[in-house]
Amino acid sequence: MLPLLLPAVPFLLWCMAAFYLLFFFLLWDRWQQDTAFRIPLLMAGLTFGLFYDAFVLALGAFLGDGLLLKTLSAPRYILHGALTPLLLAICAEALESSHTAQKVVGVLTALLMLAGAAAGCRARLKALKHAGITRFVLDGETTPKWVGGLLSALSVVPTLVLIACGLVLWKKKGEKELTLAGALMFFFAGIGPATGHMKENFLFSMFGELGLVSFLWRYIKKKTIAP
């Protein structure tokens, strides 16, 4: 299947960028209709980061490994580190936690966002040409090890929390969307390590992110807009 998929990677990336841009505006509009319901706003922030990621990767089909693409690629890691902790705040909202609990989660989320952004700023990048695009990836030799470790943890831990949160909602209310959103993220992110196709793991992970946005949008759509 990979030999058929790889030539289509540039096209797929442009489609993903368009998908995320559309959903960013849909989520923003949904939040404007009921500002007390904050999950659409939190998801809009996360979706913007996914849009930027897909957009810059898609540009790699046209731009070489020069300064322009490298400069555009640096914010990918800053946004990744800064925005993935928003999943924790989404969980707190979905569980309808107490005001105090939401404040605690809000402070924790903010601290993790700052730490993630700082890690992204310290990332050192190198060019990799594969699947019809040039993209800048973490340079393991020059990037501080804590940076890679923290960015990985900020991908895995919020996803596991999302799955756990979803299981609670599934049991209590029959709402399975959060569990499926997190499970798809976790499953697709593990395909590369499990199969040895690490060069393609960025693409597998992006399919998981499509599932994340799609199922969280389904969850949001089920919620009644406040009068």
N, C-alpha and C. Protein backbone atom coordinates (compact mmCIF):
# COMPACT_ATOMS: atom_id res chain seq x y z
N MET A 1 0.82 -1.22 0.00
CA MET A 1 0.00 0.00 0.00
C MET A 1 0.86 1.26 0.00
N LEU A 2 1.98 1.22 0.74
CA LEU A 2 2.84 2.41 0.81
C LEU A 2 3.33 2.87 -0.56
N PRO A 3 3.76 1.96 -1.46
CA PRO A 3 4.19 2.41 -2.78
C PRO A 3 3.12 3.19 -3.53
N LEU A 4 1.85 2.89 -3.27
CA LEU A 4 0.76 3.63 -3.90
C LEU A 4 0.49 4.94 -3.18
N LEU A 5 0.72 4.96 -1.86
CA LEU A 5 0.39 6.14 -1.05
C LEU A 5 1.44 7.24 -1.17
N LEU A 6 2.71 6.88 -1.21
CA LEU A 6 3.78 7.87 -1.15
C LEU A 6 3.75 8.89 -2.29
N PRO A 7 3.49 8.49 -3.54
CA PRO A 7 3.44 9.51 -4.60
C PRO A 7 2.32 10.54 -4.40
N ALA A 8 1.30 10.18 -3.63
CA ALA A 8 0.17 11.08 -3.41
C ALA A 8 0.34 11.96 -2.19
N VAL A 9 1.48 11.86 -1.49
CA VAL A 9 1.67 12.60 -0.24
C VAL A 9 1.49 14.11 -0.41
N PRO A 10 2.12 14.77 -1.42
CA PRO A 10 1.91 16.21 -1.55
C PRO A 10 0.43 16.58 -1.69
N PHE A 11 -0.30 15.84 -2.52
CA PHE A 11 -1.73 16.11 -2.70
C PHE A 11 -2.49 15.91 -1.38
N LEU A 12 -2.18 14.84 -0.67
CA LEU A 12 -2.84 14.56 0.61
C LEU A 12 -2.59 15.68 1.62
N LEU A 13 -1.37 16.20 1.62
CA LEU A 13 -1.04 17.27 2.56
C LEU A 13 -1.84 18.54 2.27
N TRP A 14 -1.99 18.87 0.99
CA TRP A 14 -2.81 20.04 0.64
C TRP A 14 -4.26 19.83 1.04
N CYS A 15 -4.76 18.60 0.85
CA CYS A 15 -6.14 18.30 1.27
C CYS A 15 -6.29 18.43 2.78
N MET A 16 -5.30 17.94 3.53
CA MET A 16 -5.35 18.05 4.99
C MET A 16 -5.32 19.51 5.43
N ALA A 17 -4.46 20.31 4.79
CA ALA A 17 -4.39 21.72 5.14
C ALA A 17 -5.73 22.41 4.91
N ALA A 18 -6.39 22.10 3.78
CA ALA A 18 -7.69 22.68 3.49
C ALA A 18 -8.74 22.21 4.51
N PHE A 19 -8.69 20.93 4.87
CA PHE A 19 -9.61 20.36 5.86
C PHE A 19 -9.48 21.09 7.19
N TYR A 20 -8.25 21.27 7.65
CA TYR A 20 -8.04 21.90 8.95
C TYR A 20 -8.44 23.38 8.92
N LEU A 21 -8.17 24.06 7.81
CA LEU A 21 -8.55 25.47 7.72
C LEU A 21 -10.07 25.60 7.77
N LEU A 22 -10.77 24.72 7.06
CA LEU A 22 -12.23 24.74 7.10
C LEU A 22 -12.73 24.51 8.52
N PHE A 23 -12.17 23.51 9.19
CA PHE A 23 -12.65 23.18 10.53
C PHE A 23 -12.25 24.25 11.55
N PHE A 24 -11.16 24.95 11.31
CA PHE A 24 -10.82 26.07 12.19
C PHE A 24 -11.95 27.09 12.19
N PHE A 25 -12.44 27.45 11.00
CA PHE A 25 -13.51 28.45 10.92
C PHE A 25 -14.84 27.89 11.44
N LEU A 26 -15.10 26.61 11.20
CA LEU A 26 -16.32 25.99 11.73
C LEU A 26 -16.31 25.99 13.26
N LEU A 27 -15.17 25.66 13.83
CA LEU A 27 -15.05 25.63 15.28
C LEU A 27 -15.16 27.03 15.88
N TRP A 28 -14.55 28.00 15.23
CA TRP A 28 -14.64 29.38 15.70
C TRP A 28 -16.09 29.86 15.67
N ASP A 29 -16.78 29.53 14.58
CA ASP A 29 -18.18 29.93 14.46
C ASP A 29 -19.03 29.25 15.53
N ARG A 30 -18.75 27.98 15.79
CA ARG A 30 -19.51 27.26 16.83
C ARG A 30 -19.29 27.88 18.20
N TRP A 31 -18.07 28.30 18.48
CA TRP A 31 -17.79 28.94 19.77
C TRP A 31 -18.50 30.29 19.86
N GLN A 32 -18.55 31.04 18.77
CA GLN A 32 -19.23 32.33 18.76
C GLN A 32 -20.71 32.19 19.08
N GLN A 33 -21.29 31.04 18.72
CA GLN A 33 -22.70 30.83 19.00
C GLN A 33 -22.97 30.56 20.47
N ASP A 34 -21.97 30.09 21.20
CA ASP A 34 -22.14 29.77 22.63
C ASP A 34 -20.78 29.86 23.29
N THR A 35 -20.39 31.06 23.70
CA THR A 35 -19.03 31.27 24.23
C THR A 35 -18.83 30.60 25.58
N ALA A 36 -19.91 30.19 26.25
CA ALA A 36 -19.76 29.49 27.53
C ALA A 36 -19.23 28.07 27.32
N PHE A 37 -19.41 27.54 26.12
CA PHE A 37 -18.94 26.20 25.78
C PHE A 37 -17.57 26.36 25.13
N ARG A 38 -16.51 26.09 25.90
CA ARG A 38 -15.16 26.46 25.46
C ARG A 38 -14.44 25.42 24.61
N ILE A 39 -14.98 24.21 24.51
CA ILE A 39 -14.28 23.18 23.75
C ILE A 39 -14.08 23.58 22.29
N PRO A 40 -15.06 24.19 21.62
CA PRO A 40 -14.79 24.62 20.24
C PRO A 40 -13.62 25.61 20.13
N LEU A 41 -13.50 26.51 21.10
CA LEU A 41 -12.39 27.47 21.07
C LEU A 41 -11.06 26.75 21.27
N LEU A 42 -11.02 25.82 22.22
CA LEU A 42 -9.79 25.06 22.46
C LEU A 42 -9.43 24.23 21.24
N MET A 43 -10.43 23.62 20.62
CA MET A 43 -10.19 22.83 19.42
C MET A 43 -9.76 23.70 18.25
N ALA A 44 -10.27 24.92 18.18
CA ALA A 44 -9.87 25.83 17.10
C ALA A 44 -8.37 26.12 17.20
N GLY A 45 -7.88 26.33 18.43
CA GLY A 45 -6.45 26.56 18.61
C GLY A 45 -5.63 25.36 18.17
N LEU A 46 -6.08 24.17 18.58
CA LEU A 46 -5.38 22.95 18.20
C LEU A 46 -5.42 22.73 16.69
N THR A 47 -6.57 23.01 16.09
CA THR A 47 -6.74 22.80 14.65
C THR A 47 -5.89 23.78 13.85
N PHE A 48 -5.72 25.00 14.35
CA PHE A 48 -4.85 25.95 13.65
C PHE A 48 -3.42 25.41 13.58
N GLY A 49 -2.95 24.82 14.69
CA GLY A 49 -1.62 24.24 14.68
C GLY A 49 -1.49 23.11 13.68
N LEU A 50 -2.54 22.28 13.56
CA LEU A 50 -2.53 21.18 12.60
C LEU A 50 -2.56 21.72 11.17
N PHE A 51 -3.31 22.80 10.96
CA PHE A 51 -3.32 23.43 9.63
C PHE A 51 -1.93 23.92 9.25
N TYR A 52 -1.29 24.62 10.17
CA TYR A 52 0.03 25.17 9.86
C TYR A 52 1.03 24.04 9.57
N ASP A 53 0.94 22.97 10.33
CA ASP A 53 1.82 21.83 10.14
C ASP A 53 1.64 21.24 8.73
N ALA A 54 0.40 20.97 8.34
CA ALA A 54 0.12 20.39 7.04
C ALA A 54 0.49 21.35 5.92
N PHE A 55 0.23 22.64 6.12
CA PHE A 55 0.52 23.65 5.09
C PHE A 55 2.02 23.74 4.80
N VAL A 56 2.82 23.79 5.86
CA VAL A 56 4.27 23.89 5.67
C VAL A 56 4.82 22.61 5.05
N LEU A 57 4.31 21.46 5.49
CA LEU A 57 4.75 20.20 4.89
C LEU A 57 4.39 20.15 3.41
N ALA A 58 3.22 20.65 3.07
CA ALA A 58 2.81 20.68 1.66
C ALA A 58 3.70 21.60 0.84
N LEU A 59 4.13 22.70 1.43
CA LEU A 59 5.05 23.61 0.73
C LEU A 59 6.36 22.92 0.40
N GLY A 60 6.69 21.89 1.18
CA GLY A 60 7.92 21.16 0.94
C GLY A 60 7.96 20.44 -0.39
N ALA A 61 6.80 20.36 -1.08
CA ALA A 61 6.79 19.78 -2.43
C ALA A 61 7.35 20.76 -3.45
N PHE A 62 7.39 22.06 -3.08
CA PHE A 62 7.85 23.09 -4.01
C PHE A 62 9.14 23.77 -3.56
N LEU A 63 9.30 23.90 -2.25
CA LEU A 63 10.48 24.59 -1.73
C LEU A 63 11.59 23.58 -1.44
N GLY A 64 12.80 23.98 -1.69
CA GLY A 64 13.94 23.12 -1.38
C GLY A 64 14.34 23.25 0.08
N ASP A 65 15.48 22.68 0.40
CA ASP A 65 15.93 22.67 1.81
C ASP A 65 16.70 23.94 2.15
N GLY A 66 16.17 25.07 1.74
CA GLY A 66 16.82 26.34 1.99
C GLY A 66 16.32 27.03 3.24
N LEU A 67 16.72 28.28 3.39
CA LEU A 67 16.41 29.04 4.59
C LEU A 67 14.91 29.30 4.74
N LEU A 68 14.21 29.54 3.63
CA LEU A 68 12.78 29.86 3.71
C LEU A 68 12.00 28.71 4.33
N LEU A 69 12.17 27.51 3.82
CA LEU A 69 11.43 26.37 4.37
C LEU A 69 11.85 26.07 5.80
N LYS A 70 13.13 26.22 6.08
CA LYS A 70 13.59 25.98 7.44
C LYS A 70 12.98 26.98 8.41
N THR A 71 12.89 28.26 7.99
CA THR A 71 12.30 29.30 8.84
C THR A 71 10.83 29.03 9.08
N LEU A 72 10.13 28.61 8.02
CA LEU A 72 8.70 28.30 8.15
C LEU A 72 8.48 27.05 8.99
N SER A 73 9.44 26.14 9.00
CA SER A 73 9.29 24.88 9.72
C SER A 73 9.48 25.03 11.23
N ALA A 74 10.28 25.99 11.65
CA ALA A 74 10.55 26.15 13.08
C ALA A 74 9.27 26.32 13.92
N PRO A 75 8.30 27.16 13.48
CA PRO A 75 7.07 27.29 14.28
C PRO A 75 6.26 26.01 14.37
N ARG A 76 6.47 25.05 13.48
CA ARG A 76 5.75 23.77 13.59
C ARG A 76 6.01 23.13 14.94
N TYR A 77 7.26 23.18 15.38
CA TYR A 77 7.62 22.52 16.64
C TYR A 77 7.19 23.36 17.83
N ILE A 78 7.21 24.68 17.68
CA ILE A 78 6.75 25.55 18.76
C ILE A 78 5.24 25.36 18.97
N LEU A 79 4.49 25.35 17.85
CA LEU A 79 3.04 25.17 17.95
C LEU A 79 2.69 23.78 18.47
N HIS A 80 3.44 22.78 18.04
CA HIS A 80 3.19 21.42 18.53
C HIS A 80 3.34 21.36 20.06
N GLY A 81 4.43 21.90 20.56
CA GLY A 81 4.67 21.88 21.99
C GLY A 81 3.67 22.72 22.76
N ALA A 82 3.26 23.85 22.16
CA ALA A 82 2.39 24.78 22.87
C ALA A 82 0.92 24.37 22.84
N LEU A 83 0.48 23.67 21.80
CA LEU A 83 -0.95 23.44 21.62
C LEU A 83 -1.44 22.06 22.05
N THR A 84 -0.58 21.04 22.03
CA THR A 84 -1.07 19.70 22.42
C THR A 84 -1.58 19.64 23.86
N PRO A 85 -1.05 20.44 24.81
CA PRO A 85 -1.62 20.40 26.16
C PRO A 85 -3.07 20.87 26.23
N LEU A 86 -3.57 21.52 25.17
CA LEU A 86 -4.97 21.93 25.16
C LEU A 86 -5.92 20.75 25.30
N LEU A 87 -5.44 19.55 24.95
CA LEU A 87 -6.27 18.36 25.12
C LEU A 87 -6.65 18.15 26.59
N LEU A 88 -5.77 18.56 27.51
CA LEU A 88 -6.07 18.43 28.93
C LEU A 88 -7.23 19.34 29.33
N ALA A 89 -7.21 20.57 28.82
CA ALA A 89 -8.31 21.50 29.12
C ALA A 89 -9.61 21.03 28.48
N ILE A 90 -9.52 20.42 27.30
CA ILE A 90 -10.71 19.87 26.65
C ILE A 90 -11.32 18.77 27.51
N CYS A 91 -10.46 17.93 28.07
CA CYS A 91 -10.95 16.86 28.95
C CYS A 91 -11.65 17.42 30.18
N ALA A 92 -11.06 18.43 30.79
CA ALA A 92 -11.67 19.03 31.98
C ALA A 92 -13.05 19.61 31.65
N GLU A 93 -13.16 20.24 30.49
CA GLU A 93 -14.46 20.79 30.06
C GLU A 93 -15.47 19.68 29.81
N ALA A 94 -15.02 18.63 29.11
CA ALA A 94 -15.93 17.54 28.76
C ALA A 94 -16.45 16.81 29.99
N LEU A 95 -15.60 16.69 31.01
CA LEU A 95 -16.00 16.00 32.24
C LEU A 95 -16.85 16.89 33.14
N GLU A 96 -17.02 18.16 32.72
CA GLU A 96 -17.78 19.13 33.52
C GLU A 96 -17.25 19.19 34.95
N SER A 97 -15.92 19.31 35.04
CA SER A 97 -15.26 19.34 36.34
C SER A 97 -15.69 20.57 37.12
N SER A 98 -15.45 20.53 38.41
CA SER A 98 -15.77 21.67 39.26
C SER A 98 -14.94 22.88 38.85
N HIS A 99 -15.40 24.04 39.29
CA HIS A 99 -14.70 25.29 38.95
C HIS A 99 -13.26 25.25 39.44
N THR A 100 -13.06 24.73 40.65
CA THR A 100 -11.70 24.65 41.20
C THR A 100 -10.84 23.71 40.37
N ALA A 101 -11.40 22.55 40.02
CA ALA A 101 -10.64 21.57 39.23
C ALA A 101 -10.28 22.15 37.87
N GLN A 102 -11.21 22.87 37.26
CA GLN A 102 -10.92 23.46 35.95
C GLN A 102 -9.84 24.53 36.06
N LYS A 103 -9.83 25.25 37.18
CA LYS A 103 -8.77 26.24 37.38
C LYS A 103 -7.41 25.57 37.49
N VAL A 104 -7.36 24.47 38.25
CA VAL A 104 -6.10 23.73 38.42
C VAL A 104 -5.62 23.19 37.08
N VAL A 105 -6.53 22.59 36.32
CA VAL A 105 -6.17 22.06 35.00
C VAL A 105 -5.76 23.20 34.07
N GLY A 106 -6.42 24.34 34.20
CA GLY A 106 -6.07 25.49 33.37
C GLY A 106 -4.66 25.97 33.63
N VAL A 107 -4.28 26.03 34.91
CA VAL A 107 -2.92 26.46 35.26
C VAL A 107 -1.90 25.43 34.77
N LEU A 108 -2.20 24.14 34.98
CA LEU A 108 -1.31 23.07 34.51
C LEU A 108 -1.15 23.13 32.99
N THR A 109 -2.28 23.32 32.29
CA THR A 109 -2.23 23.41 30.83
C THR A 109 -1.36 24.58 30.39
N ALA A 110 -1.53 25.73 31.03
CA ALA A 110 -0.74 26.91 30.67
C ALA A 110 0.76 26.67 30.89
N LEU A 111 1.10 26.03 32.00
CA LEU A 111 2.50 25.75 32.29
C LEU A 111 3.10 24.79 31.27
N LEU A 112 2.32 23.76 30.91
CA LEU A 112 2.80 22.81 29.91
C LEU A 112 2.91 23.45 28.53
N MET A 113 2.01 24.37 28.23
CA MET A 113 2.08 25.09 26.95
C MET A 113 3.36 25.93 26.88
N LEU A 114 3.69 26.58 27.98
CA LEU A 114 4.92 27.38 28.02
C LEU A 114 6.15 26.50 27.89
N ALA A 115 6.13 25.37 28.61
CA ALA A 115 7.25 24.43 28.52
C ALA A 115 7.38 23.86 27.12
N GLY A 116 6.24 23.52 26.50
CA GLY A 116 6.26 22.98 25.15
C GLY A 116 6.76 23.98 24.14
N ALA A 117 6.33 25.24 24.28
CA ALA A 117 6.81 26.28 23.37
C ALA A 117 8.31 26.50 23.54
N ALA A 118 8.78 26.47 24.79
CA ALA A 118 10.21 26.64 25.04
C ALA A 118 11.01 25.50 24.42
N ALA A 119 10.47 24.27 24.53
CA ALA A 119 11.15 23.13 23.92
C ALA A 119 11.18 23.28 22.41
N GLY A 120 10.07 23.72 21.83
CA GLY A 120 10.03 23.92 20.38
C GLY A 120 11.04 24.95 19.92
N CYS A 121 11.25 25.99 20.73
CA CYS A 121 12.23 27.02 20.38
C CYS A 121 13.66 26.48 20.39
N ARG A 122 13.90 25.46 21.20
CA ARG A 122 15.24 24.89 21.29
C ARG A 122 15.49 23.78 20.27
N ALA A 123 14.48 23.44 19.48
CA ALA A 123 14.63 22.37 18.49
C ALA A 123 15.63 22.78 17.41
N ARG A 124 16.49 21.86 17.04
CA ARG A 124 17.44 22.06 15.94
C ARG A 124 17.02 21.13 14.81
N LEU A 125 16.96 21.68 13.61
CA LEU A 125 16.34 20.96 12.51
C LEU A 125 17.34 20.60 11.41
N LYS A 126 16.99 19.53 10.70
CA LYS A 126 17.76 19.14 9.52
C LYS A 126 16.77 18.72 8.44
N ALA A 127 17.19 18.88 7.19
CA ALA A 127 16.30 18.59 6.06
C ALA A 127 16.26 17.09 5.78
N LEU A 128 15.07 16.62 5.42
CA LEU A 128 14.88 15.24 5.01
C LEU A 128 13.99 15.23 3.77
N LYS A 129 14.47 14.64 2.70
CA LYS A 129 13.69 14.54 1.47
C LYS A 129 13.13 13.13 1.34
N HIS A 130 11.79 13.06 1.29
CA HIS A 130 11.14 11.74 1.21
C HIS A 130 9.69 11.94 0.80
N ALA A 131 9.16 11.00 0.07
CA ALA A 131 7.74 10.99 -0.33
C ALA A 131 7.35 12.24 -1.11
N GLY A 132 8.27 12.75 -1.91
CA GLY A 132 7.95 13.88 -2.77
C GLY A 132 7.98 15.24 -2.11
N ILE A 133 8.43 15.31 -0.86
CA ILE A 133 8.49 16.59 -0.16
C ILE A 133 9.84 16.71 0.57
N THR A 134 10.21 17.94 0.84
CA THR A 134 11.32 18.23 1.74
C THR A 134 10.73 18.73 3.04
N ARG A 135 11.10 18.14 4.14
CA ARG A 135 10.62 18.61 5.43
C ARG A 135 11.79 18.67 6.41
N PHE A 136 11.64 19.56 7.38
CA PHE A 136 12.69 19.70 8.39
C PHE A 136 12.26 18.95 9.65
N VAL A 137 13.12 18.04 10.07
CA VAL A 137 12.86 17.19 11.22
C VAL A 137 13.86 17.51 12.33
N LEU A 138 13.58 17.00 13.52
CA LEU A 138 14.51 17.20 14.64
C LEU A 138 15.85 16.56 14.34
N ASP A 139 16.90 17.31 14.56
CA ASP A 139 18.25 16.78 14.42
C ASP A 139 18.67 16.21 15.78
N GLY A 140 18.69 14.89 15.86
CA GLY A 140 18.96 14.24 17.13
C GLY A 140 20.35 14.51 17.68
N GLU A 141 21.28 14.88 16.82
CA GLU A 141 22.66 15.11 17.27
C GLU A 141 22.83 16.48 17.90
N THR A 142 22.09 17.47 17.42
CA THR A 142 22.29 18.85 17.91
C THR A 142 21.16 19.35 18.80
N THR A 143 20.01 18.67 18.77
CA THR A 143 18.91 19.08 19.63
C THR A 143 19.11 18.51 21.03
N PRO A 144 18.97 19.33 22.07
CA PRO A 144 19.08 18.80 23.44
C PRO A 144 18.11 17.65 23.66
N LYS A 145 18.55 16.62 24.34
CA LYS A 145 17.73 15.42 24.50
C LYS A 145 16.43 15.71 25.24
N TRP A 146 16.46 16.67 26.16
CA TRP A 146 15.24 16.97 26.90
C TRP A 146 14.16 17.54 25.99
N VAL A 147 14.58 18.18 24.91
CA VAL A 147 13.61 18.77 23.97
C VAL A 147 12.81 17.67 23.29
N GLY A 148 13.52 16.69 22.71
CA GLY A 148 12.83 15.59 22.06
C GLY A 148 11.97 14.80 23.03
N GLY A 149 12.49 14.60 24.26
CA GLY A 149 11.74 13.86 25.26
C GLY A 149 10.46 14.57 25.67
N LEU A 150 10.57 15.89 25.87
CA LEU A 150 9.40 16.66 26.29
C LEU A 150 8.36 16.73 25.18
N LEU A 151 8.80 16.98 23.95
CA LEU A 151 7.85 17.05 22.84
C LEU A 151 7.14 15.71 22.63
N SER A 152 7.86 14.62 22.81
CA SER A 152 7.23 13.30 22.70
C SER A 152 6.22 13.07 23.82
N ALA A 153 6.61 13.46 25.04
CA ALA A 153 5.71 13.30 26.18
C ALA A 153 4.44 14.13 26.01
N LEU A 154 4.59 15.32 25.43
CA LEU A 154 3.43 16.19 25.23
C LEU A 154 2.53 15.67 24.12
N SER A 155 3.02 14.74 23.32
CA SER A 155 2.17 14.07 22.34
C SER A 155 1.45 12.88 22.96
N VAL A 156 2.18 12.11 23.76
CA VAL A 156 1.64 10.85 24.26
C VAL A 156 0.72 11.05 25.46
N VAL A 157 1.17 11.81 26.46
CA VAL A 157 0.42 11.91 27.71
C VAL A 157 -0.97 12.53 27.52
N PRO A 158 -1.10 13.69 26.85
CA PRO A 158 -2.46 14.23 26.65
C PRO A 158 -3.37 13.28 25.87
N THR A 159 -2.79 12.50 24.94
CA THR A 159 -3.60 11.55 24.19
C THR A 159 -4.13 10.45 25.10
N LEU A 160 -3.29 9.95 26.01
CA LEU A 160 -3.74 8.94 26.97
C LEU A 160 -4.79 9.49 27.92
N VAL A 161 -4.60 10.75 28.33
CA VAL A 161 -5.60 11.39 29.20
C VAL A 161 -6.93 11.52 28.46
N LEU A 162 -6.85 11.86 27.16
CA LEU A 162 -8.07 11.99 26.35
C LEU A 162 -8.80 10.65 26.27
N ILE A 163 -8.06 9.57 26.07
CA ILE A 163 -8.67 8.24 26.02
C ILE A 163 -9.34 7.90 27.35
N ALA A 164 -8.63 8.16 28.46
CA ALA A 164 -9.18 7.88 29.79
C ALA A 164 -10.43 8.71 30.05
N CYS A 165 -10.36 9.98 29.70
CA CYS A 165 -11.52 10.86 29.85
C CYS A 165 -12.69 10.34 29.03
N GLY A 166 -12.39 9.92 27.81
CA GLY A 166 -13.43 9.40 26.94
C GLY A 166 -14.08 8.14 27.49
N LEU A 167 -13.29 7.28 28.12
CA LEU A 167 -13.84 6.06 28.70
C LEU A 167 -14.81 6.39 29.84
N VAL A 168 -14.47 7.41 30.62
CA VAL A 168 -15.38 7.84 31.69
C VAL A 168 -16.70 8.33 31.11
N LEU A 169 -16.61 9.15 30.06
CA LEU A 169 -17.83 9.68 29.44
C LEU A 169 -18.63 8.58 28.75
N TRP A 170 -17.92 7.62 28.17
CA TRP A 170 -18.59 6.49 27.52
C TRP A 170 -19.40 5.69 28.54
N LYS A 171 -18.79 5.46 29.70
CA LYS A 171 -19.47 4.69 30.74
C LYS A 171 -20.64 5.46 31.35
N LYS A 172 -20.43 6.75 31.60
CA LYS A 172 -21.45 7.54 32.30
C LYS A 172 -22.58 8.00 31.37
N LYS A 173 -22.22 8.42 30.15
CA LYS A 173 -23.20 9.06 29.27
C LYS A 173 -23.36 8.38 27.92
N GLY A 174 -22.54 7.36 27.66
CA GLY A 174 -22.62 6.71 26.35
C GLY A 174 -21.96 7.51 25.25
N GLU A 175 -21.14 8.50 25.62
CA GLU A 175 -20.47 9.34 24.63
C GLU A 175 -19.09 8.75 24.34
N LYS A 176 -18.94 8.18 23.15
CA LYS A 176 -17.70 7.47 22.82
C LYS A 176 -16.73 8.28 21.97
N GLU A 177 -17.11 9.51 21.60
CA GLU A 177 -16.30 10.27 20.64
C GLU A 177 -14.88 10.56 21.13
N LEU A 178 -14.73 10.94 22.40
CA LEU A 178 -13.40 11.28 22.91
C LEU A 178 -12.49 10.06 22.95
N THR A 179 -13.06 8.92 23.32
CA THR A 179 -12.26 7.69 23.33
C THR A 179 -11.77 7.36 21.92
N LEU A 180 -12.66 7.44 20.94
CA LEU A 180 -12.29 7.11 19.57
C LEU A 180 -11.28 8.12 19.02
N ALA A 181 -11.45 9.40 19.38
CA ALA A 181 -10.51 10.43 18.93
C ALA A 181 -9.10 10.13 19.43
N GLY A 182 -8.99 9.84 20.74
CA GLY A 182 -7.68 9.55 21.31
C GLY A 182 -7.12 8.22 20.83
N ALA A 183 -7.98 7.22 20.69
CA ALA A 183 -7.52 5.90 20.26
C ALA A 183 -6.96 5.94 18.84
N LEU A 184 -7.60 6.70 17.96
CA LEU A 184 -7.10 6.81 16.59
C LEU A 184 -5.73 7.51 16.58
N MET A 185 -5.60 8.55 17.38
CA MET A 185 -4.31 9.23 17.49
C MET A 185 -3.23 8.25 17.93
N PHE A 186 -3.52 7.51 18.97
CA PHE A 186 -2.53 6.59 19.54
C PHE A 186 -2.20 5.47 18.56
N PHE A 187 -3.23 4.93 17.90
CA PHE A 187 -3.02 3.82 16.97
C PHE A 187 -2.15 4.25 15.79
N PHE A 188 -2.51 5.34 15.13
CA PHE A 188 -1.78 5.75 13.93
C PHE A 188 -0.36 6.20 14.26
N ALA A 189 -0.17 6.83 15.43
CA ALA A 189 1.18 7.25 15.81
C ALA A 189 2.09 6.06 16.07
N GLY A 190 1.49 4.90 16.36
CA GLY A 190 2.29 3.72 16.65
C GLY A 190 2.59 2.86 15.44
N ILE A 191 2.02 3.18 14.28
CA ILE A 191 2.22 2.35 13.10
C ILE A 191 3.68 2.36 12.65
N GLY A 192 4.29 3.56 12.61
CA GLY A 192 5.68 3.67 12.18
C GLY A 192 6.63 2.84 13.03
N PRO A 193 6.63 3.04 14.36
CA PRO A 193 7.51 2.22 15.21
C PRO A 193 7.21 0.73 15.12
N ALA A 194 5.95 0.38 14.97
CA ALA A 194 5.58 -1.04 14.95
C ALA A 194 6.00 -1.73 13.65
N THR A 195 6.02 -0.98 12.55
CA THR A 195 6.32 -1.59 11.25
C THR A 195 7.71 -1.25 10.73
N GLY A 196 8.40 -0.35 11.42
CA GLY A 196 9.73 0.05 10.97
C GLY A 196 9.72 1.12 9.90
N HIS A 197 8.56 1.70 9.60
CA HIS A 197 8.46 2.76 8.59
C HIS A 197 8.49 4.13 9.28
N MET A 198 9.60 4.44 9.90
CA MET A 198 9.69 5.68 10.67
C MET A 198 9.68 6.92 9.78
N LYS A 199 10.21 6.82 8.56
CA LYS A 199 10.20 7.98 7.67
C LYS A 199 8.78 8.40 7.30
N GLU A 200 7.88 7.42 7.31
CA GLU A 200 6.49 7.72 6.95
C GLU A 200 5.61 7.96 8.18
N ASN A 201 6.19 7.90 9.37
CA ASN A 201 5.36 8.00 10.57
C ASN A 201 4.68 9.36 10.71
N PHE A 202 5.29 10.41 10.14
CA PHE A 202 4.65 11.73 10.19
C PHE A 202 3.29 11.67 9.48
N LEU A 203 3.22 10.91 8.38
CA LEU A 203 1.98 10.79 7.62
C LEU A 203 0.96 9.95 8.38
N PHE A 204 1.42 8.82 8.94
CA PHE A 204 0.50 8.00 9.74
C PHE A 204 -0.10 8.82 10.88
N SER A 205 0.76 9.58 11.56
CA SER A 205 0.28 10.40 12.69
C SER A 205 -0.74 11.42 12.24
N MET A 206 -0.54 11.96 11.02
CA MET A 206 -1.48 12.96 10.52
C MET A 206 -2.84 12.36 10.23
N PHE A 207 -2.90 11.09 9.82
CA PHE A 207 -4.18 10.42 9.66
C PHE A 207 -4.87 10.29 11.02
N GLY A 208 -4.09 10.02 12.06
CA GLY A 208 -4.65 9.97 13.40
C GLY A 208 -5.20 11.32 13.84
N GLU A 209 -4.51 12.39 13.46
CA GLU A 209 -4.97 13.75 13.80
C GLU A 209 -6.27 14.09 13.08
N LEU A 210 -6.42 13.59 11.84
CA LEU A 210 -7.70 13.76 11.15
C LEU A 210 -8.83 13.11 11.93
N GLY A 211 -8.56 11.91 12.45
CA GLY A 211 -9.56 11.23 13.27
C GLY A 211 -9.87 12.00 14.54
N LEU A 212 -8.84 12.57 15.16
CA LEU A 212 -9.03 13.37 16.37
C LEU A 212 -9.99 14.52 16.12
N VAL A 213 -9.71 15.31 15.09
CA VAL A 213 -10.55 16.48 14.80
C VAL A 213 -11.96 16.05 14.42
N SER A 214 -12.07 14.99 13.62
CA SER A 214 -13.38 14.55 13.15
C SER A 214 -14.27 14.10 14.30
N PHE A 215 -13.72 13.28 15.20
CA PHE A 215 -14.55 12.77 16.30
C PHE A 215 -14.83 13.84 17.35
N LEU A 216 -13.90 14.75 17.59
CA LEU A 216 -14.18 15.84 18.52
C LEU A 216 -15.22 16.79 17.93
N TRP A 217 -15.20 16.96 16.61
CA TRP A 217 -16.23 17.78 15.98
C TRP A 217 -17.61 17.12 16.14
N ARG A 218 -17.65 15.79 15.99
CA ARG A 218 -18.91 15.07 16.22
C ARG A 218 -19.40 15.27 17.65
N TYR A 219 -18.47 15.24 18.60
CA TYR A 219 -18.83 15.46 20.00
C TYR A 219 -19.40 16.87 20.20
N ILE A 220 -18.73 17.84 19.60
CA ILE A 220 -19.17 19.24 19.72
C ILE A 220 -20.56 19.42 19.10
N LYS A 221 -20.78 18.82 17.94
CA LYS A 221 -22.05 18.98 17.24
C LYS A 221 -23.23 18.40 18.04
N LYS A 222 -22.95 17.43 18.89
CA LYS A 222 -24.02 16.81 19.68
C LYS A 222 -24.46 17.69 20.84
N LYS A 223 -23.65 18.67 21.18
CA LYS A 223 -23.97 19.51 22.33
C LYS A 223 -24.97 20.60 21.92
N THR A 224 -25.96 20.81 22.78
CA THR A 224 -27.00 21.80 22.49
C THR A 224 -26.44 23.20 22.72
N ILE A 225 -26.74 24.10 21.79
CA ILE A 225 -26.31 25.48 21.95
C ILE A 225 -27.17 26.16 23.01
N ALA A 226 -26.50 26.85 23.93
CA ALA A 226 -27.24 27.50 25.02
C ALA A 226 -28.13 28.60 24.45
N PRO A 227 -29.35 28.76 25.01
CA PRO A 227 -30.28 29.80 24.51
C PRO A 227 -29.76 31.18 24.88
